[in-house]
N, C-alpha and C. Protein backbone atom coordinates (compact mmCIF):
# COMPACT_ATOMS: atom_id res chain seq x y z
N MET A 1 -85.61 -123.86 -172.20
CA MET A 1 -84.50 -123.95 -171.20
C MET A 1 -84.18 -122.44 -170.83
N ARG A 2 -84.06 -122.46 -169.29
CA ARG A 2 -83.70 -121.13 -168.74
C ARG A 2 -82.38 -121.08 -168.02
N LEU A 3 -81.92 -120.02 -167.89
CA LEU A 3 -80.49 -119.91 -167.66
C LEU A 3 -80.60 -119.12 -166.02
N LYS A 4 -79.77 -119.79 -165.22
CA LYS A 4 -80.00 -119.27 -163.79
C LYS A 4 -78.38 -118.97 -163.58
N LEU A 5 -78.11 -117.44 -162.98
CA LEU A 5 -76.79 -117.16 -162.86
C LEU A 5 -76.96 -117.23 -161.44
N THR A 6 -75.99 -117.71 -160.57
CA THR A 6 -75.48 -117.43 -159.05
C THR A 6 -74.01 -117.17 -158.90
N GLN A 7 -73.91 -116.24 -157.93
CA GLN A 7 -72.74 -115.79 -157.60
C GLN A 7 -72.40 -116.04 -156.06
N GLU A 8 -71.45 -116.95 -155.95
CA GLU A 8 -71.02 -117.64 -154.78
C GLU A 8 -70.51 -116.53 -153.96
N GLU A 9 -70.98 -116.58 -152.44
CA GLU A 9 -70.52 -115.62 -151.49
C GLU A 9 -69.30 -116.00 -151.05
N THR A 10 -68.56 -114.49 -151.26
CA THR A 10 -67.19 -114.83 -150.63
C THR A 10 -67.19 -114.02 -148.97
N PRO A 11 -66.48 -114.89 -148.35
CA PRO A 11 -66.28 -114.47 -146.46
C PRO A 11 -65.68 -112.93 -146.67
N LYS A 12 -66.19 -111.95 -146.14
CA LYS A 12 -65.84 -110.50 -146.09
C LYS A 12 -66.16 -109.95 -144.71
N HIS A 13 -65.79 -108.84 -144.52
CA HIS A 13 -66.36 -108.26 -143.37
C HIS A 13 -67.71 -107.92 -143.19
N SER A 14 -68.45 -107.84 -142.49
CA SER A 14 -69.71 -107.44 -142.15
C SER A 14 -69.86 -105.86 -142.07
N SER A 15 -69.14 -105.10 -141.72
CA SER A 15 -69.02 -103.89 -141.39
C SER A 15 -68.09 -103.24 -142.04
N LEU A 16 -67.90 -101.99 -141.59
CA LEU A 16 -66.86 -100.81 -142.53
C LEU A 16 -65.42 -101.45 -142.07
N VAL A 17 -64.63 -101.31 -143.35
CA VAL A 17 -63.03 -101.44 -142.94
C VAL A 17 -62.59 -100.23 -142.33
N THR A 18 -61.96 -100.36 -141.42
CA THR A 18 -61.26 -99.44 -140.48
C THR A 18 -59.60 -99.22 -140.90
N ALA A 19 -58.73 -100.14 -141.25
CA ALA A 19 -57.46 -100.34 -141.09
C ALA A 19 -57.08 -101.49 -142.07
N VAL A 20 -56.16 -100.89 -142.69
CA VAL A 20 -55.43 -102.24 -143.90
C VAL A 20 -53.76 -102.22 -143.35
N GLY A 21 -53.42 -103.37 -143.79
CA GLY A 21 -51.83 -103.31 -143.59
C GLY A 21 -51.25 -104.48 -144.68
N TRP A 22 -50.21 -104.23 -145.37
CA TRP A 22 -49.68 -105.52 -146.21
C TRP A 22 -48.04 -105.71 -146.21
N TYR A 23 -47.97 -106.90 -146.46
CA TYR A 23 -46.51 -107.19 -146.24
C TYR A 23 -46.38 -108.22 -147.25
N LYS A 24 -45.13 -108.60 -147.32
CA LYS A 24 -44.37 -109.32 -148.37
C LYS A 24 -44.00 -110.92 -148.04
N THR A 25 -44.72 -111.82 -148.39
CA THR A 25 -44.33 -113.35 -147.85
C THR A 25 -43.64 -113.76 -149.05
N GLY A 26 -42.50 -114.35 -149.12
CA GLY A 26 -41.97 -114.82 -150.20
C GLY A 26 -41.94 -113.94 -151.26
N LYS A 27 -42.33 -114.43 -152.41
CA LYS A 27 -42.39 -113.64 -153.69
C LYS A 27 -43.59 -112.84 -153.79
N GLN A 28 -45.00 -113.18 -152.87
CA GLN A 28 -46.21 -112.51 -153.02
C GLN A 28 -46.24 -111.71 -151.79
N TYR A 29 -47.22 -110.89 -152.21
CA TYR A 29 -47.87 -109.92 -151.07
C TYR A 29 -48.94 -110.61 -150.41
N GLU A 30 -49.55 -110.26 -149.01
CA GLU A 30 -50.69 -110.38 -148.55
C GLU A 30 -51.09 -109.10 -147.65
N LEU A 31 -52.20 -109.28 -147.63
CA LEU A 31 -53.23 -107.75 -147.09
C LEU A 31 -53.70 -108.22 -145.62
N LEU A 32 -53.77 -107.39 -144.58
CA LEU A 32 -54.06 -107.80 -143.32
C LEU A 32 -55.33 -106.51 -143.45
N SER A 33 -56.62 -106.82 -142.76
CA SER A 33 -57.58 -105.91 -142.77
C SER A 33 -58.45 -105.99 -141.46
N CYS A 34 -59.11 -104.97 -140.61
CA CYS A 34 -59.76 -105.06 -139.76
C CYS A 34 -60.89 -103.84 -139.80
N GLY A 35 -61.95 -104.28 -139.00
CA GLY A 35 -62.88 -103.58 -139.50
C GLY A 35 -63.93 -103.23 -138.04
N ASP A 36 -65.27 -102.71 -138.15
CA ASP A 36 -65.99 -102.46 -137.36
C ASP A 36 -66.65 -103.96 -136.71
N ASP A 37 -66.57 -104.66 -137.51
CA ASP A 37 -67.20 -106.15 -136.90
C ASP A 37 -66.12 -106.72 -136.01
N GLN A 38 -65.01 -105.97 -135.63
CA GLN A 38 -64.26 -106.60 -134.76
C GLN A 38 -63.17 -107.90 -135.25
N ALA A 39 -63.16 -108.04 -136.53
CA ALA A 39 -62.23 -109.06 -136.94
C ALA A 39 -61.26 -108.89 -138.12
N VAL A 40 -60.27 -109.46 -137.74
CA VAL A 40 -59.01 -109.22 -138.57
C VAL A 40 -58.96 -110.29 -139.55
N TRP A 41 -58.71 -109.97 -140.84
CA TRP A 41 -59.02 -110.98 -141.87
C TRP A 41 -57.40 -110.85 -142.76
N LYS A 42 -57.14 -111.88 -143.50
CA LYS A 42 -55.96 -111.90 -144.00
C LYS A 42 -56.30 -112.16 -145.52
N TRP A 43 -55.90 -111.37 -146.42
CA TRP A 43 -56.26 -111.34 -148.05
C TRP A 43 -54.66 -111.83 -148.73
N HIS A 44 -55.27 -112.31 -149.98
CA HIS A 44 -54.38 -112.37 -151.06
C HIS A 44 -54.47 -111.10 -151.73
N VAL A 45 -53.23 -110.57 -152.35
CA VAL A 45 -53.28 -109.39 -152.88
C VAL A 45 -54.39 -109.06 -154.08
N GLU A 46 -54.73 -109.98 -154.84
CA GLU A 46 -55.34 -110.38 -155.95
C GLU A 46 -57.10 -110.11 -155.34
N GLY A 47 -57.28 -109.91 -153.81
CA GLY A 47 -58.50 -109.66 -153.36
C GLY A 47 -59.29 -111.18 -153.04
N SER A 48 -58.71 -112.14 -152.90
CA SER A 48 -59.34 -113.40 -152.23
C SER A 48 -59.15 -113.42 -151.28
N PRO A 49 -59.84 -113.91 -150.05
CA PRO A 49 -59.63 -114.08 -148.91
C PRO A 49 -58.84 -115.44 -148.63
N ILE A 50 -57.91 -115.37 -147.46
CA ILE A 50 -57.28 -116.27 -146.98
C ILE A 50 -57.96 -116.75 -145.76
N GLY A 51 -58.39 -116.20 -145.00
CA GLY A 51 -59.09 -116.55 -143.79
C GLY A 51 -58.91 -115.55 -142.75
N LYS A 52 -59.72 -115.81 -141.90
CA LYS A 52 -60.26 -114.74 -140.51
C LYS A 52 -59.07 -114.97 -139.79
N LEU A 53 -58.28 -114.06 -139.01
CA LEU A 53 -57.30 -114.28 -138.38
C LEU A 53 -57.90 -114.52 -137.09
N CYS A 54 -58.57 -113.51 -136.51
CA CYS A 54 -58.98 -113.31 -134.81
C CYS A 54 -59.99 -112.40 -135.06
N GLN A 55 -60.89 -112.63 -133.91
CA GLN A 55 -61.84 -111.97 -133.49
C GLN A 55 -61.58 -111.03 -132.32
N CYS A 56 -61.64 -109.80 -132.36
CA CYS A 56 -61.22 -109.15 -131.33
C CYS A 56 -62.24 -108.60 -130.39
N GLU A 57 -62.12 -107.97 -129.09
CA GLU A 57 -62.72 -107.86 -128.09
C GLU A 57 -63.25 -106.09 -128.28
N SER A 58 -62.70 -105.29 -128.99
CA SER A 58 -62.95 -103.98 -129.10
C SER A 58 -63.01 -103.43 -130.76
N TYR A 59 -63.16 -102.47 -130.98
CA TYR A 59 -63.00 -101.80 -132.16
C TYR A 59 -61.87 -101.20 -132.61
N CYS A 60 -61.26 -101.65 -133.69
CA CYS A 60 -59.77 -101.53 -133.97
C CYS A 60 -59.93 -100.28 -134.94
N THR A 61 -59.18 -99.27 -134.65
CA THR A 61 -58.79 -98.07 -135.49
C THR A 61 -57.82 -97.62 -136.10
N ALA A 62 -56.66 -98.54 -135.35
CA ALA A 62 -55.25 -98.41 -136.47
C ALA A 62 -54.67 -99.53 -136.83
N MET A 63 -53.88 -99.77 -137.60
CA MET A 63 -52.77 -101.14 -137.92
C MET A 63 -51.89 -100.50 -138.59
N ALA A 64 -50.43 -101.26 -137.81
CA ALA A 64 -49.08 -100.94 -138.72
C ALA A 64 -48.53 -102.58 -138.57
N VAL A 65 -48.02 -102.96 -139.75
CA VAL A 65 -47.34 -104.03 -139.77
C VAL A 65 -45.79 -103.81 -139.77
N MET A 66 -45.05 -104.66 -139.23
CA MET A 66 -43.73 -104.58 -139.19
C MET A 66 -43.22 -105.79 -139.54
N PRO A 67 -42.70 -106.01 -141.02
CA PRO A 67 -42.28 -107.23 -141.55
C PRO A 67 -41.03 -107.88 -140.79
N ASN A 68 -40.92 -109.25 -140.98
CA ASN A 68 -39.79 -109.79 -140.24
C ASN A 68 -38.87 -110.51 -141.24
N SER A 69 -37.54 -110.25 -141.54
CA SER A 69 -36.88 -110.97 -142.70
C SER A 69 -36.26 -112.01 -142.06
N LYS A 70 -36.40 -112.58 -140.93
CA LYS A 70 -35.81 -113.62 -140.58
C LYS A 70 -36.30 -115.02 -140.50
N GLY A 71 -37.53 -115.15 -141.59
CA GLY A 71 -38.57 -116.28 -141.81
C GLY A 71 -39.47 -116.50 -140.90
N THR A 72 -39.55 -115.74 -139.73
CA THR A 72 -40.67 -116.25 -138.70
C THR A 72 -41.93 -115.20 -138.67
N ASP A 73 -43.01 -115.48 -138.16
CA ASP A 73 -44.03 -114.66 -138.19
C ASP A 73 -43.84 -113.26 -138.35
N ASN A 74 -44.59 -112.54 -139.20
CA ASN A 74 -44.65 -111.03 -139.07
C ASN A 74 -45.40 -110.61 -138.24
N THR A 75 -45.13 -109.22 -137.38
CA THR A 75 -45.94 -108.71 -136.38
C THR A 75 -46.46 -107.59 -136.85
N PHE A 76 -47.60 -107.35 -136.42
CA PHE A 76 -48.32 -106.11 -136.79
C PHE A 76 -49.04 -105.84 -135.45
N ALA A 77 -49.12 -104.52 -135.21
CA ALA A 77 -49.94 -103.88 -134.10
C ALA A 77 -51.15 -103.19 -134.44
N LEU A 78 -52.35 -103.53 -133.69
CA LEU A 78 -53.67 -103.08 -133.80
C LEU A 78 -54.10 -101.94 -132.42
N GLY A 79 -54.37 -100.73 -132.88
CA GLY A 79 -54.76 -99.89 -132.04
C GLY A 79 -56.23 -100.02 -131.67
N PHE A 80 -56.74 -99.77 -130.66
CA PHE A 80 -58.47 -100.30 -130.23
C PHE A 80 -58.85 -98.80 -129.95
N ALA A 81 -60.36 -98.56 -129.96
CA ALA A 81 -61.02 -97.51 -129.37
C ALA A 81 -60.80 -97.73 -128.11
N ASP A 82 -60.98 -98.43 -127.35
CA ASP A 82 -60.76 -98.52 -125.98
C ASP A 82 -59.42 -98.23 -125.21
N GLY A 83 -58.52 -97.55 -126.20
CA GLY A 83 -57.32 -96.92 -125.71
C GLY A 83 -55.92 -97.78 -125.54
N THR A 84 -56.53 -99.42 -125.80
CA THR A 84 -55.26 -100.15 -125.77
C THR A 84 -54.74 -100.52 -127.42
N PHE A 85 -53.54 -101.02 -127.18
CA PHE A 85 -53.02 -101.88 -128.48
C PHE A 85 -52.51 -103.10 -128.20
N ARG A 86 -52.47 -103.76 -129.24
CA ARG A 86 -51.87 -105.08 -129.03
C ARG A 86 -50.94 -105.58 -130.30
N LEU A 87 -49.84 -106.00 -129.92
CA LEU A 87 -49.35 -106.81 -131.03
C LEU A 87 -49.62 -108.02 -131.15
N MET A 88 -49.60 -108.58 -132.55
CA MET A 88 -50.43 -109.78 -132.87
C MET A 88 -49.36 -110.42 -133.90
N SER A 89 -49.37 -111.62 -133.88
CA SER A 89 -48.41 -112.53 -134.63
C SER A 89 -49.14 -112.60 -136.12
N GLU A 90 -48.44 -112.77 -137.31
CA GLU A 90 -49.27 -113.25 -138.36
C GLU A 90 -49.97 -114.58 -138.49
N SER A 91 -50.05 -115.32 -137.54
CA SER A 91 -50.76 -116.29 -137.51
C SER A 91 -52.09 -116.42 -136.59
N GLY A 92 -52.03 -114.68 -135.92
CA GLY A 92 -53.48 -114.35 -135.30
C GLY A 92 -53.42 -114.58 -133.89
N ARG A 93 -52.14 -114.89 -133.09
CA ARG A 93 -51.88 -115.14 -131.79
C ARG A 93 -51.52 -113.78 -130.99
N GLU A 94 -52.49 -113.14 -130.14
CA GLU A 94 -51.74 -112.15 -129.36
C GLU A 94 -50.59 -112.31 -128.47
N GLU A 95 -49.50 -111.32 -128.99
CA GLU A 95 -48.24 -111.40 -128.29
C GLU A 95 -48.07 -110.78 -127.00
N LYS A 96 -48.62 -109.50 -126.93
CA LYS A 96 -48.62 -108.67 -126.11
C LYS A 96 -49.60 -107.37 -126.23
N LYS A 97 -49.97 -107.11 -124.94
CA LYS A 97 -51.55 -106.07 -124.81
C LYS A 97 -50.84 -104.80 -124.15
């Protein structure tokens, strides 16, 4: 009998992570990350991915999270290498550019 070990591939960034931000949802924390693969991911604070929020048009260089205490989506700002910044909702929708 031969034992074969395999490790399940966890979705993640395919390049360097350039910015992270975290916020509280209810009683737990969640983390947002963006990287050189131009993707924004949402994570559980333990390290498991919740999902990919969006794919950006440019390289993200900065992130700031503004938690909302009114029960609606939290807002975060992303700064990009092309000189723009975008306000995004927690659901991945671009609010302003």
